[in-house]
Amino acid sequence: MKMKLSLLSKKIFIITGFIILLAISEFNYLSNHPYRQLTRYLRFAHQTAKLKNNYLTFYFLNTATHLRLNELKSQYPDLVFQPPSVNPFANSTKQQKNNYTNILSSLDISLYIDKYYSSLSKSFYQFGLLNIGSDEQSLEQFWKLSILLSPEWSYPHVELANYYLSNHQIELAKQTIDFCNKFFSPKKHCQEFLTTNISQNQPETIGFLETVINSKM
């Protein structure tokens, strides 16, 4: 009997050790491949959104967001990528959270990211759209995050600048364009908006690029 228990203990010890080694190996692999780590959490968010589990969805989404911001810090060491000081999910109603979850559940993970835009950035843009005319503080924070998650994509920069212009916040609109101009790809579009709209004080309808953005993925 004692021999059997001893053998069982050894087996449990070996199996436990093997699992720990696998976990360490997986951790090291993901640490050295942050893109894979990021997409894994985004995939988890996508799967839990389909299951309508808001708590886990936003946990995985927030984790993916912070991983992406850390990734960008290494790509652009001279720029500051700070998430908004206000958590835009904090005061969301249950219905709003359900709406956000519905957006995430429709993500095409295979199109997560390329040089210019990501489905993660697009999701935060769409979250902002849901708050037009109701919770504009959340709209602003979501669109700031949309910019930070894909700074080489011009549309979120222009949308946020237009939001400020529509609210007569000219300096904030110009600051948004100034930040956009730090990146090569969106610079031309942002300069056009500065010349055509901000300089003439001619805002577009808030959310005017929705159709274009939604057609990108």
Foldseek 3Di string as FASTA:
>chain_A
DVVVVVVVVVVVVVVVVVVVVVVVVVVVVCVVVVVVVLLVLLVQLLVVLVVVPLVSNVVSLVVSLVSLLVVVCVVCVPDDQDQDPDDLCPPDDPVLSNVLSVLSNPDDSVQADDLAAGSSLLSLQVSLVVCVPNDNVSNLRSLSSSCSSGVLHQVSLLLNLLVCLVVVNLVVSVVSLVSSCVHDRNNVVSVVCCVPDSVVSNHDPRCPCVVVSVVVD
